[in-house]
Amino acid sequence: MRLKWLWSAVAVVCLAAPAFAQVQVFIGRTPPPIRYEVRPPMPGDGFVWVDGYWGNDGRRYNWVPGRWDRPPYPGAYWNHPHYDHYDRGWQMHEGHWDHEDHDNHHDWGR
């Protein structure tokens, strides 16, 4: 009975593992130039301007406007999204919040 349970658990893990695979999207055309945006007034203390960028859906580029946002923790800074060129085309790397000393902050998001 235990052996049957063990094999069932192994099968579930093996079948679930592909669900965590990362999808990479490449676009053959160069991203358009960045748009200049006029920043609206800051809505309050502690906000940071996050620049707009060209997103893509795998077929075309779509402008995502800039916005005011609050850093999720003290000392956070915004890493802007960017594109890198590879043999298969252009690939977007998503923007994200980061910290200069990210190795010493294991309690983020708590």
C-alpha atoms as a PDB file:
ATOM      1  CA  MET A   1       0.000   0.000   0.000  1.00  0.00           C
ATOM      2  CA  ARG A   2       2.814   2.417   0.868  1.00  0.00           C
ATOM      3  CA  LEU A   3       4.596   1.627  -2.394  1.00  0.00           C
ATOM      4  CA  LYS A   4       1.437   2.427  -4.351  1.00  0.00           C
ATOM      5  CA  TRP A   5       1.107   5.748  -2.480  1.00  0.00           C
ATOM      6  CA  LEU A   6       4.780   6.561  -3.135  1.00  0.00           C
ATOM      7  CA  TRP A   7       4.441   5.925  -6.885  1.00  0.00           C
ATOM      8  CA  SER A   8       1.289   8.055  -6.972  1.00  0.00           C
ATOM      9  CA  ALA A   9       3.157  10.915  -5.283  1.00  0.00           C
ATOM     10  CA  VAL A  10       6.074  10.601  -7.728  1.00  0.00           C
ATOM     11  CA  ALA A  11       3.664  10.661 -10.685  1.00  0.00           C
ATOM     12  CA  VAL A  12       1.957  13.821  -9.391  1.00  0.00           C
ATOM     13  CA  VAL A  13       5.309  15.601  -8.972  1.00  0.00           C
ATOM     14  CA  CYS A  14       6.486  14.566 -12.444  1.00  0.00           C
ATOM     15  CA  LEU A  15       3.264  15.721 -14.081  1.00  0.00           C
ATOM     16  CA  ALA A  16       3.146  19.011 -12.149  1.00  0.00           C
ATOM     17  CA  ALA A  17       6.768  20.014 -12.881  1.00  0.00           C
ATOM     18  CA  PRO A  18       6.105  21.185 -16.472  1.00  0.00           C
ATOM     19  CA  ALA A  19       3.503  23.629 -15.131  1.00  0.00           C
ATOM     20  CA  PHE A  20       6.349  25.779 -13.796  1.00  0.00           C
ATOM     21  CA  ALA A  21       8.124  26.094 -17.151  1.00  0.00           C
ATOM     22  CA  GLN A  22       8.881  29.642 -18.289  1.00  0.00           C
ATOM     23  CA  VAL A  23       7.574  30.705 -21.685  1.00  0.00           C
ATOM     24  CA  GLN A  24       9.941  32.788 -23.798  1.00  0.00           C
ATOM     25  CA  VAL A  25       8.431  35.066 -26.429  1.00  0.00           C
ATOM     26  CA  PHE A  26      10.583  36.454 -29.243  1.00  0.00           C
ATOM     27  CA  ILE A  27       9.545  39.156 -31.703  1.00  0.00           C
ATOM     28  CA  GLY A  28      11.313  39.551 -35.040  1.00  0.00           C
ATOM     29  CA  ARG A  29      10.942  43.339 -35.274  1.00  0.00           C
ATOM     30  CA  THR A  30      12.985  45.914 -33.359  1.00  0.00           C
ATOM     31  CA  PRO A  31      11.017  47.597 -30.528  1.00  0.00           C
ATOM     32  CA  PRO A  32       9.805  51.134 -31.362  1.00  0.00           C
ATOM     33  CA  PRO A  33      11.582  54.106 -29.754  1.00  0.00           C
ATOM     34  CA  ILE A  34      10.533  54.992 -26.215  1.00  0.00           C
ATOM     35  CA  ARG A  35       7.759  57.590 -26.035  1.00  0.00           C
ATOM     36  CA  TYR A  36       8.192  60.797 -24.072  1.00  0.00           C
ATOM     37  CA  GLU A  37       5.514  61.119 -21.400  1.00  0.00           C
ATOM     38  CA  VAL A  38       4.577  64.100 -19.288  1.00  0.00           C
ATOM     39  CA  ARG A  39       4.425  62.957 -15.685  1.00  0.00           C
ATOM     40  CA  PRO A  40       1.243  63.858 -13.870  1.00  0.00           C
ATOM     41  CA  PRO A  41       1.680  65.350 -10.388  1.00  0.00           C
ATOM     42  CA  MET A  42       2.925  62.920  -7.743  1.00  0.00           C
ATOM     43  CA  PRO A  43      -0.127  61.612  -5.841  1.00  0.00           C
ATOM     44  CA  GLY A  44       1.637  61.737  -2.456  1.00  0.00           C
ATOM     45  CA  ASP A  45       4.811  61.117  -0.504  1.00  0.00           C
ATOM     46  CA  GLY A  46       6.718  57.897  -1.099  1.00  0.00           C
ATOM     47  CA  PHE A  47       5.749  57.401  -4.747  1.00  0.00           C
ATOM     48  CA  VAL A  48       8.237  56.615  -7.531  1.00  0.00           C
ATOM     49  CA  TRP A  49       7.688  57.219 -11.243  1.00  0.00           C
ATOM     50  CA  VAL A  50       7.756  53.991 -13.275  1.00  0.00           C
ATOM     51  CA  ASP A  51       8.463  54.856 -16.931  1.00  0.00           C
ATOM     52  CA  GLY A  52       6.235  53.587 -19.712  1.00  0.00           C
ATOM     53  CA  TYR A  53       7.505  50.872 -22.033  1.00  0.00           C
ATOM     54  CA  TRP A  54       6.662  48.886 -25.139  1.00  0.00           C
ATOM     55  CA  GLY A  55       5.064  45.592 -24.110  1.00  0.00           C
ATOM     56  CA  ASN A  56       4.341  42.832 -26.575  1.00  0.00           C
ATOM     57  CA  ASP A  57       1.886  40.011 -26.968  1.00  0.00           C
ATOM     58  CA  GLY A  58       4.051  37.900 -29.280  1.00  0.00           C
ATOM     59  CA  ARG A  59       2.649  39.578 -32.417  1.00  0.00           C
ATOM     60  CA  ARG A  60       3.021  43.321 -31.954  1.00  0.00           C
ATOM     61  CA  TYR A  61       4.221  46.029 -29.593  1.00  0.00           C
ATOM     62  CA  ASN A  62       1.753  47.885 -27.372  1.00  0.00           C
ATOM     63  CA  TRP A  63       2.601  50.999 -25.355  1.00  0.00           C
ATOM     64  CA  VAL A  64       2.142  50.592 -21.587  1.00  0.00           C
ATOM     65  CA  PRO A  65       1.939  54.084 -20.053  1.00  0.00           C
ATOM     66  CA  GLY A  66       4.084  55.182 -17.126  1.00  0.00           C
ATOM     67  CA  ARG A  67       2.601  55.404 -13.645  1.00  0.00           C
ATOM     68  CA  TRP A  68       3.273  56.451 -10.086  1.00  0.00           C
ATOM     69  CA  ASP A  69       3.870  53.463  -7.796  1.00  0.00           C
ATOM     70  CA  ARG A  70       4.935  52.851  -4.207  1.00  0.00           C
ATOM     71  CA  PRO A  71       8.032  50.724  -3.580  1.00  0.00           C
ATOM     72  CA  PRO A  72       7.012  47.480  -1.843  1.00  0.00           C
ATOM     73  CA  TYR A  73       9.712  47.774   0.861  1.00  0.00           C
ATOM     74  CA  PRO A  74      12.256  50.337   2.111  1.00  0.00           C
ATOM     75  CA  GLY A  75      15.296  50.724  -0.148  1.00  0.00           C
ATOM     76  CA  ALA A  76      13.578  49.219  -3.203  1.00  0.00           C
ATOM     77  CA  TYR A  77      14.284  50.563  -6.671  1.00  0.00           C
ATOM     78  CA  TRP A  78      12.577  49.863 -10.003  1.00  0.00           C
ATOM     79  CA  ASN A  79      14.465  47.877 -12.649  1.00  0.00           C
ATOM     80  CA  HIS A  80      12.932  49.033 -15.910  1.00  0.00           C
ATOM     81  CA  PRO A  81      11.757  46.474 -18.455  1.00  0.00           C
ATOM     82  CA  HIS A  82      14.098  46.144 -21.405  1.00  0.00           C
ATOM     83  CA  TYR A  83      14.635  44.187 -24.601  1.00  0.00           C
ATOM     84  CA  ASP A  84      17.660  42.127 -25.585  1.00  0.00           C
ATOM     85  CA  HIS A  85      18.380  40.900 -29.101  1.00  0.00           C
ATOM     86  CA  TYR A  86      19.041  37.197 -29.667  1.00  0.00           C
ATOM     87  CA  ASP A  87      19.332  35.012 -32.764  1.00  0.00           C
ATOM     88  CA  ARG A  88      15.586  34.268 -32.563  1.00  0.00           C
ATOM     89  CA  GLY A  89      14.583  37.936 -32.231  1.00  0.00           C
ATOM     90  CA  TRP A  90      13.908  40.458 -29.503  1.00  0.00           C
ATOM     91  CA  GLN A  91      12.975  39.265 -26.019  1.00  0.00           C
ATOM     92  CA  MET A  92      11.474  41.422 -23.298  1.00  0.00           C
ATOM     93  CA  HIS A  93      12.701  41.223 -19.724  1.00  0.00           C
ATOM     94  CA  GLU A  94       9.958  42.332 -17.343  1.00  0.00           C
ATOM     95  CA  GLY A  95      10.451  45.251 -14.986  1.00  0.00           C
ATOM     96  CA  HIS A  96      10.599  44.465 -11.275  1.00  0.00           C
ATOM     97  CA  TRP A  97      11.367  45.918  -7.865  1.00  0.00           C
ATOM     98  CA  ASP A  98      14.825  45.139  -6.513  1.00  0.00           C
ATOM     99  CA  HIS A  99      17.101  46.100  -3.635  1.00  0.00           C
ATOM    100  CA  GLU A 100      20.825  46.847  -3.713  1.00  0.00           C
ATOM    101  CA  ASP A 101      21.353  44.387  -0.887  1.00  0.00           C
ATOM    102  CA  HIS A 102      18.870  41.758  -2.135  1.00  0.00           C
ATOM    103  CA  ASP A 103      20.801  38.784  -0.702  1.00  0.00           C
ATOM    104  CA  ASN A 104      20.200  39.965   2.865  1.00  0.00           C
ATOM    105  CA  HIS A 105      16.432  40.483   2.622  1.00  0.00           C
ATOM    106  CA  HIS A 106      14.718  37.122   2.901  1.00  0.00           C
ATOM    107  CA  ASP A 107      11.547  38.489   4.495  1.00  0.00           C
ATOM    108  CA  TRP A 108      10.253  40.468   1.500  1.00  0.00           C
ATOM    109  CA  GLY A 109       6.564  40.203   0.912  1.00  0.00           C
ATOM    110  CA  ARG A 110       5.738  39.197   4.481  1.00  0.00           C
END
